[in-house]
């Protein structure tokens, strides 16, 4: 059962949660549109898309006052993440066909919504995971830099498995915070957190499947 906020406000928690999930779902849809639109684009557009992606993300983080504008920025951020995913999607299809994308999306969806359901139904507060997850993300960033220079299938597998565990923890953490801590005017922050959790889970799971498919061919 969804609880009401521990802070004052006019919006019920159920209305807030619906608003968050609608914006989250819209973000996923816009990302898929971005990937579809840019499927045949030149790879030279990848770097400008990455730059725009970070610009939109920083704008969402630092422009705190206008929630409608932040929602638009989230849509633009989602669009650019769809564009920047295309090179990875091309690699995936080259290795395992369209089935590998369907499998990755299915596993991500099941994992995300199972963890979300558990966090919402559980009486446990998962905010205690915050420090561990932050440290885990820092570790992933460092490992990613190392892996850029010393790339191997075993390293990619280990990196992806650890990453899936970390972002699974983030789903629990973020859903727990949505249930207990977000205020009425923080629906963009909540939707962004869920979108990043889903996106990172999808990328890491897809990398795992690509790695396994590539090794099975050898």
C-alpha atoms as a PDB file:
ATOM      1  CA  UNK A   1       0.000   0.000   0.000  1.00  0.00           C
ATOM      2  CA  UNK A   2       1.402   3.410  -0.970  1.00  0.00           C
ATOM      3  CA  UNK A   3       1.819   5.768   1.936  1.00  0.00           C
ATOM      4  CA  UNK A   4       1.281   9.499   2.055  1.00  0.00           C
ATOM      5  CA  UNK A   5       4.228  11.855   2.179  1.00  0.00           C
ATOM      6  CA  UNK A   6       5.763  12.686   5.536  1.00  0.00           C
ATOM      7  CA  UNK A   7       5.788  16.312   4.359  1.00  0.00           C
ATOM      8  CA  UNK A   8       2.864  18.651   3.870  1.00  0.00           C
ATOM      9  CA  UNK A   9       1.334  19.092   0.416  1.00  0.00           C
ATOM     10  CA  UNK A  10      -1.903  19.041  -1.501  1.00  0.00           C
ATOM     11  CA  UNK A  11      -1.136  16.076  -3.750  1.00  0.00           C
ATOM     12  CA  UNK A  12      -1.794  12.567  -2.452  1.00  0.00           C
ATOM     13  CA  UNK A  13       0.986  10.053  -2.746  1.00  0.00           C
ATOM     14  CA  UNK A  14      -1.059   8.029  -5.231  1.00  0.00           C
ATOM     15  CA  UNK A  15      -1.420  11.067  -7.514  1.00  0.00           C
ATOM     16  CA  UNK A  16       2.276  11.875  -7.177  1.00  0.00           C
ATOM     17  CA  UNK A  17       3.280   8.281  -7.922  1.00  0.00           C
ATOM     18  CA  UNK A  18       1.052   8.238 -11.002  1.00  0.00           C
ATOM     19  CA  UNK A  19       2.623  11.487 -12.216  1.00  0.00           C
ATOM     20  CA  UNK A  20       6.123  10.086 -11.706  1.00  0.00           C
ATOM     21  CA  UNK A  21       5.378   6.822 -13.498  1.00  0.00           C
ATOM     22  CA  UNK A  22       3.707   8.616 -16.413  1.00  0.00           C
ATOM     23  CA  UNK A  23       6.761  10.831 -16.865  1.00  0.00           C
ATOM     24  CA  UNK A  24       9.046   7.813 -16.493  1.00  0.00           C
ATOM     25  CA  UNK A  25       7.089   5.882 -19.126  1.00  0.00           C
ATOM     26  CA  UNK A  26       7.119   8.892 -21.446  1.00  0.00           C
ATOM     27  CA  UNK A  27      10.892   9.133 -21.033  1.00  0.00           C
ATOM     28  CA  UNK A  28      11.323   5.497 -22.076  1.00  0.00           C
ATOM     29  CA  UNK A  29       9.102   6.060 -25.109  1.00  0.00           C
ATOM     30  CA  UNK A  30      10.998   9.201 -26.153  1.00  0.00           C
ATOM     31  CA  UNK A  31      14.314   7.356 -25.790  1.00  0.00           C
ATOM     32  CA  UNK A  32      13.053   4.641 -28.141  1.00  0.00           C
ATOM     33  CA  UNK A  33      11.979   7.334 -30.604  1.00  0.00           C
ATOM     34  CA  UNK A  34      15.457   8.883 -30.411  1.00  0.00           C
ATOM     35  CA  UNK A  35      17.057   5.512 -31.163  1.00  0.00           C
ATOM     36  CA  UNK A  36      14.696   4.908 -34.082  1.00  0.00           C
ATOM     37  CA  UNK A  37      15.230   8.381 -35.558  1.00  0.00           C
ATOM     38  CA  UNK A  38      19.026   8.122 -35.403  1.00  0.00           C
ATOM     39  CA  UNK A  39      19.363   4.476 -36.463  1.00  0.00           C
ATOM     40  CA  UNK A  40      20.905   5.335 -39.841  1.00  0.00           C
ATOM     41  CA  UNK A  41      22.696   8.524 -38.807  1.00  0.00           C
ATOM     42  CA  UNK A  42      26.421   8.998 -39.272  1.00  0.00           C
ATOM     43  CA  UNK A  43      28.610   7.982 -36.291  1.00  0.00           C
ATOM     44  CA  UNK A  44      30.074  11.494 -36.356  1.00  0.00           C
ATOM     45  CA  UNK A  45      26.892  12.695 -34.643  1.00  0.00           C
ATOM     46  CA  UNK A  46      27.568  10.521 -31.584  1.00  0.00           C
ATOM     47  CA  UNK A  47      29.918  13.003 -29.852  1.00  0.00           C
ATOM     48  CA  UNK A  48      27.557  16.008 -30.219  1.00  0.00           C
ATOM     49  CA  UNK A  49      24.724  13.816 -28.874  1.00  0.00           C
ATOM     50  CA  UNK A  50      26.811  12.833 -25.838  1.00  0.00           C
ATOM     51  CA  UNK A  51      27.600  16.503 -25.163  1.00  0.00           C
ATOM     52  CA  UNK A  52      23.923  17.444 -25.425  1.00  0.00           C
ATOM     53  CA  UNK A  53      23.043  14.540 -23.144  1.00  0.00           C
ATOM     54  CA  UNK A  54      25.255  15.916 -20.374  1.00  0.00           C
ATOM     55  CA  UNK A  55      24.068  19.485 -20.961  1.00  0.00           C
ATOM     56  CA  UNK A  56      20.423  18.461 -20.566  1.00  0.00           C
ATOM     57  CA  UNK A  57      21.218  16.366 -17.479  1.00  0.00           C
ATOM     58  CA  UNK A  58      23.075  19.217 -15.796  1.00  0.00           C
ATOM     59  CA  UNK A  59      20.250  21.604 -16.683  1.00  0.00           C
ATOM     60  CA  UNK A  60      17.729  19.288 -15.010  1.00  0.00           C
ATOM     61  CA  UNK A  61      19.889  19.067 -11.899  1.00  0.00           C
ATOM     62  CA  UNK A  62      20.592  22.772 -11.481  1.00  0.00           C
ATOM     63  CA  UNK A  63      17.372  24.390 -12.760  1.00  0.00           C
ATOM     64  CA  UNK A  64      15.255  23.684  -9.701  1.00  0.00           C
ATOM     65  CA  UNK A  65      12.462  26.256  -9.914  1.00  0.00           C
ATOM     66  CA  UNK A  66      10.427  25.561 -13.059  1.00  0.00           C
ATOM     67  CA  UNK A  67       9.175  21.951 -12.952  1.00  0.00           C
ATOM     68  CA  UNK A  68       7.456  22.162 -16.347  1.00  0.00           C
ATOM     69  CA  UNK A  69      10.726  23.260 -17.963  1.00  0.00           C
ATOM     70  CA  UNK A  70      12.574  20.482 -16.146  1.00  0.00           C
ATOM     71  CA  UNK A  71      10.067  17.953 -17.498  1.00  0.00           C
ATOM     72  CA  UNK A  72      10.782  19.210 -21.023  1.00  0.00           C
ATOM     73  CA  UNK A  73      14.519  18.955 -20.365  1.00  0.00           C
ATOM     74  CA  UNK A  74      14.006  15.382 -19.159  1.00  0.00           C
ATOM     75  CA  UNK A  75      12.290  14.590 -22.451  1.00  0.00           C
ATOM     76  CA  UNK A  76      15.210  16.105 -24.389  1.00  0.00           C
ATOM     77  CA  UNK A  77      17.672  14.188 -22.212  1.00  0.00           C
ATOM     78  CA  UNK A  78      15.770  10.966 -22.899  1.00  0.00           C
ATOM     79  CA  UNK A  79      15.816  11.682 -26.636  1.00  0.00           C
ATOM     80  CA  UNK A  80      19.601  12.128 -26.661  1.00  0.00           C
ATOM     81  CA  UNK A  81      20.184   8.991 -24.576  1.00  0.00           C
ATOM     82  CA  UNK A  82      18.247   7.088 -27.215  1.00  0.00           C
ATOM     83  CA  UNK A  83      20.594   8.530 -29.847  1.00  0.00           C
ATOM     84  CA  UNK A  84      23.746   7.656 -27.906  1.00  0.00           C
ATOM     85  CA  UNK A  85      22.521   4.083 -27.362  1.00  0.00           C
ATOM     86  CA  UNK A  86      22.452   3.366 -31.099  1.00  0.00           C
ATOM     87  CA  UNK A  87      26.123   2.290 -31.498  1.00  0.00           C
ATOM     88  CA  UNK A  88      25.691  -0.277 -28.700  1.00  0.00           C
ATOM     89  CA  UNK A  89      22.426  -1.481 -30.248  1.00  0.00           C
ATOM     90  CA  UNK A  90      24.179  -1.947 -33.612  1.00  0.00           C
ATOM     91  CA  UNK A  91      26.868  -4.050 -31.936  1.00  0.00           C
ATOM     92  CA  UNK A  92      24.233  -6.125 -30.164  1.00  0.00           C
ATOM     93  CA  UNK A  93      22.317  -6.863 -33.361  1.00  0.00           C
ATOM     94  CA  UNK A  94      25.535  -7.734 -35.197  1.00  0.00           C
ATOM     95  CA  UNK A  95      26.360 -10.286 -32.478  1.00  0.00           C
ATOM     96  CA  UNK A  96      22.968 -11.770 -31.657  1.00  0.00           C
ATOM     97  CA  UNK A  97      20.328 -10.303 -33.934  1.00  0.00           C
ATOM     98  CA  UNK A  98      17.195  -8.469 -32.855  1.00  0.00           C
ATOM     99  CA  UNK A  99      16.502 -11.259 -30.335  1.00  0.00           C
ATOM    100  CA  UNK A 100      19.311 -10.067 -28.097  1.00  0.00           C
ATOM    101  CA  UNK A 101      17.640  -6.656 -27.756  1.00  0.00           C
ATOM    102  CA  UNK A 102      14.300  -8.280 -26.964  1.00  0.00           C
ATOM    103  CA  UNK A 103      15.919 -10.496 -24.333  1.00  0.00           C
ATOM    104  CA  UNK A 104      17.815  -7.580 -22.759  1.00  0.00           C
ATOM    105  CA  UNK A 105      14.694  -5.430 -22.650  1.00  0.00           C
ATOM    106  CA  UNK A 106      12.619  -8.273 -21.202  1.00  0.00           C
ATOM    107  CA  UNK A 107      15.161  -9.093 -18.483  1.00  0.00           C
ATOM    108  CA  UNK A 108      15.515  -5.405 -17.630  1.00  0.00           C
ATOM    109  CA  UNK A 109      11.764  -4.893 -17.439  1.00  0.00           C
ATOM    110  CA  UNK A 110      11.176  -7.938 -15.249  1.00  0.00           C
ATOM    111  CA  UNK A 111      14.062  -7.037 -12.934  1.00  0.00           C
ATOM    112  CA  UNK A 112      13.054  -3.385 -12.660  1.00  0.00           C
ATOM    113  CA  UNK A 113       9.375  -3.952 -11.981  1.00  0.00           C
ATOM    114  CA  UNK A 114       9.939  -6.895  -9.622  1.00  0.00           C
ATOM    115  CA  UNK A 115      12.326  -4.808  -7.506  1.00  0.00           C
ATOM    116  CA  UNK A 116       9.993  -1.800  -7.703  1.00  0.00           C
ATOM    117  CA  UNK A 117       7.037  -3.883  -6.545  1.00  0.00           C
ATOM    118  CA  UNK A 118       9.054  -5.272  -3.650  1.00  0.00           C
ATOM    119  CA  UNK A 119      10.251  -1.813  -2.567  1.00  0.00           C
ATOM    120  CA  UNK A 120       6.723  -0.403  -2.682  1.00  0.00           C
ATOM    121  CA  UNK A 121       5.110  -3.304  -0.856  1.00  0.00           C
ATOM    122  CA  UNK A 122       7.848  -3.787   1.716  1.00  0.00           C
ATOM    123  CA  UNK A 123       7.851  -1.978   5.031  1.00  0.00           C
ATOM    124  CA  UNK A 124      11.645  -1.807   4.837  1.00  0.00           C
ATOM    125  CA  UNK A 125      13.266   1.556   4.221  1.00  0.00           C
ATOM    126  CA  UNK A 126      16.103   1.089   1.714  1.00  0.00           C
ATOM    127  CA  UNK A 127      17.603   4.548   2.198  1.00  0.00           C
ATOM    128  CA  UNK A 128      20.453   2.913   4.141  1.00  0.00           C
ATOM    129  CA  UNK A 129      21.787   1.689   0.776  1.00  0.00           C
ATOM    130  CA  UNK A 130      22.609   5.241  -0.346  1.00  0.00           C
ATOM    131  CA  UNK A 131      26.213   5.348   0.836  1.00  0.00           C
ATOM    132  CA  UNK A 132      27.044   1.881  -0.476  1.00  0.00           C
ATOM    133  CA  UNK A 133      25.483   2.625  -3.865  1.00  0.00           C
ATOM    134  CA  UNK A 134      27.307   5.933  -4.213  1.00  0.00           C
ATOM    135  CA  UNK A 135      30.598   4.186  -3.459  1.00  0.00           C
ATOM    136  CA  UNK A 136      29.654   1.479  -5.948  1.00  0.00           C
ATOM    137  CA  UNK A 137      29.056   4.021  -8.722  1.00  0.00           C
ATOM    138  CA  UNK A 138      32.434   5.640  -8.035  1.00  0.00           C
ATOM    139  CA  UNK A 139      33.998   2.188  -8.230  1.00  0.00           C
ATOM    140  CA  UNK A 140      32.237   1.505 -11.532  1.00  0.00           C
ATOM    141  CA  UNK A 141      33.515   4.788 -12.954  1.00  0.00           C
ATOM    142  CA  UNK A 142      37.096   3.951 -11.973  1.00  0.00           C
ATOM    143  CA  UNK A 143      36.753   0.411 -13.310  1.00  0.00           C
ATOM    144  CA  UNK A 144      35.275   1.782 -16.539  1.00  0.00           C
ATOM    145  CA  UNK A 145      38.321   3.996 -17.072  1.00  0.00           C
ATOM    146  CA  UNK A 146      40.645   1.055 -16.398  1.00  0.00           C
ATOM    147  CA  UNK A 147      38.593  -1.187 -18.675  1.00  0.00           C
ATOM    148  CA  UNK A 148      38.907   1.343 -21.494  1.00  0.00           C
ATOM    149  CA  UNK A 149      42.636   0.601 -21.634  1.00  0.00           C
ATOM    150  CA  UNK A 150      42.641  -3.060 -20.537  1.00  0.00           C
ATOM    151  CA  UNK A 151      39.502  -4.468 -22.105  1.00  0.00           C
ATOM    152  CA  UNK A 152      38.825  -8.206 -21.927  1.00  0.00           C
ATOM    153  CA  UNK A 153      35.681 -10.389 -22.029  1.00  0.00           C
ATOM    154  CA  UNK A 154      36.225 -11.464 -18.412  1.00  0.00           C
ATOM    155  CA  UNK A 155      36.543  -7.853 -17.274  1.00  0.00           C
ATOM    156  CA  UNK A 156      33.395  -6.824 -19.168  1.00  0.00           C
ATOM    157  CA  UNK A 157      31.479  -9.707 -17.612  1.00  0.00           C
ATOM    158  CA  UNK A 158      32.606  -8.841 -14.088  1.00  0.00           C
ATOM    159  CA  UNK A 159      31.968  -5.140 -14.612  1.00  0.00           C
ATOM    160  CA  UNK A 160      28.472  -5.763 -15.979  1.00  0.00           C
ATOM    161  CA  UNK A 161      27.488  -8.187 -13.201  1.00  0.00           C
ATOM    162  CA  UNK A 162      28.608  -5.774 -10.491  1.00  0.00           C
ATOM    163  CA  UNK A 163      26.874  -2.925 -12.312  1.00  0.00           C
ATOM    164  CA  UNK A 164      23.596  -4.854 -12.496  1.00  0.00           C
ATOM    165  CA  UNK A 165      23.772  -5.501  -8.752  1.00  0.00           C
ATOM    166  CA  UNK A 166      24.475  -1.832  -8.007  1.00  0.00           C
ATOM    167  CA  UNK A 167      21.650  -0.492 -10.164  1.00  0.00           C
ATOM    168  CA  UNK A 168      19.278  -3.131  -8.846  1.00  0.00           C
ATOM    169  CA  UNK A 169      20.075  -1.636  -5.459  1.00  0.00           C
ATOM    170  CA  UNK A 170      19.335   1.808  -6.868  1.00  0.00           C
ATOM    171  CA  UNK A 171      15.856   0.663  -7.934  1.00  0.00           C
ATOM    172  CA  UNK A 172      15.135  -0.359  -4.342  1.00  0.00           C
ATOM    173  CA  UNK A 173      16.680   2.846  -3.011  1.00  0.00           C
ATOM    174  CA  UNK A 174      14.887   5.207  -5.384  1.00  0.00           C
ATOM    175  CA  UNK A 175      11.494   3.507  -5.081  1.00  0.00           C
ATOM    176  CA  UNK A 176      11.835   3.581  -1.312  1.00  0.00           C
ATOM    177  CA  UNK A 177      12.558   7.320  -1.451  1.00  0.00           C
ATOM    178  CA  UNK A 178       9.604   7.905  -3.785  1.00  0.00           C
ATOM    179  CA  UNK A 179       7.422   6.108  -1.276  1.00  0.00           C
ATOM    180  CA  UNK A 180       8.717   7.997   1.743  1.00  0.00           C
ATOM    181  CA  UNK A 181      10.690  11.160   1.012  1.00  0.00           C
ATOM    182  CA  UNK A 182       9.967  13.002  -2.212  1.00  0.00           C
ATOM    183  CA  UNK A 183       7.904  16.176  -1.996  1.00  0.00           C
ATOM    184  CA  UNK A 184       5.049  17.122  -4.323  1.00  0.00           C
ATOM    185  CA  UNK A 185       7.281  19.293  -6.530  1.00  0.00           C
ATOM    186  CA  UNK A 186       9.983  16.621  -6.976  1.00  0.00           C
ATOM    187  CA  UNK A 187       8.259  14.453  -9.566  1.00  0.00           C
ATOM    188  CA  UNK A 188      10.900  15.249 -12.212  1.00  0.00           C
ATOM    189  CA  UNK A 189      13.694  14.193  -9.854  1.00  0.00           C
ATOM    190  CA  UNK A 190      11.865  10.959  -9.100  1.00  0.00           C
ATOM    191  CA  UNK A 191      11.192  10.180 -12.776  1.00  0.00           C
ATOM    192  CA  UNK A 192      14.812  10.977 -13.685  1.00  0.00           C
ATOM    193  CA  UNK A 193      16.100   8.639 -10.967  1.00  0.00           C
ATOM    194  CA  UNK A 194      13.927   5.773 -12.225  1.00  0.00           C
ATOM    195  CA  UNK A 195      14.842   6.458 -15.851  1.00  0.00           C
ATOM    196  CA  UNK A 196      18.572   6.351 -15.067  1.00  0.00           C
ATOM    197  CA  UNK A 197      18.102   3.115 -13.098  1.00  0.00           C
ATOM    198  CA  UNK A 198      16.264   1.469 -15.989  1.00  0.00           C
ATOM    199  CA  UNK A 199      18.671   2.791 -18.623  1.00  0.00           C
ATOM    200  CA  UNK A 200      21.782   1.622 -16.783  1.00  0.00           C
ATOM    201  CA  UNK A 201      20.261  -1.773 -16.049  1.00  0.00           C
ATOM    202  CA  UNK A 202      19.405  -2.199 -19.727  1.00  0.00           C
ATOM    203  CA  UNK A 203      22.890  -1.206 -20.916  1.00  0.00           C
ATOM    204  CA  UNK A 204      24.653  -3.499 -18.431  1.00  0.00           C
ATOM    205  CA  UNK A 205      22.381  -6.465 -19.118  1.00  0.00           C
ATOM    206  CA  UNK A 206      22.792  -5.936 -22.862  1.00  0.00           C
ATOM    207  CA  UNK A 207      26.577  -5.856 -22.455  1.00  0.00           C
ATOM    208  CA  UNK A 208      26.402  -9.162 -20.586  1.00  0.00           C
ATOM    209  CA  UNK A 209      24.314 -10.765 -23.327  1.00  0.00           C
ATOM    210  CA  UNK A 210      26.639  -9.414 -26.038  1.00  0.00           C
ATOM    211  CA  UNK A 211      29.625 -10.839 -24.201  1.00  0.00           C
ATOM    212  CA  UNK A 212      28.015 -14.255 -23.746  1.00  0.00           C
ATOM    213  CA  UNK A 213      26.824 -14.343 -27.364  1.00  0.00           C
ATOM    214  CA  UNK A 214      30.281 -13.425 -28.624  1.00  0.00           C
ATOM    215  CA  UNK A 215      31.969 -16.135 -26.537  1.00  0.00           C
ATOM    216  CA  UNK A 216      29.454 -18.746 -27.678  1.00  0.00           C
ATOM    217  CA  UNK A 217      30.425 -18.013 -31.274  1.00  0.00           C
ATOM    218  CA  UNK A 218      34.131 -18.600 -30.614  1.00  0.00           C
END
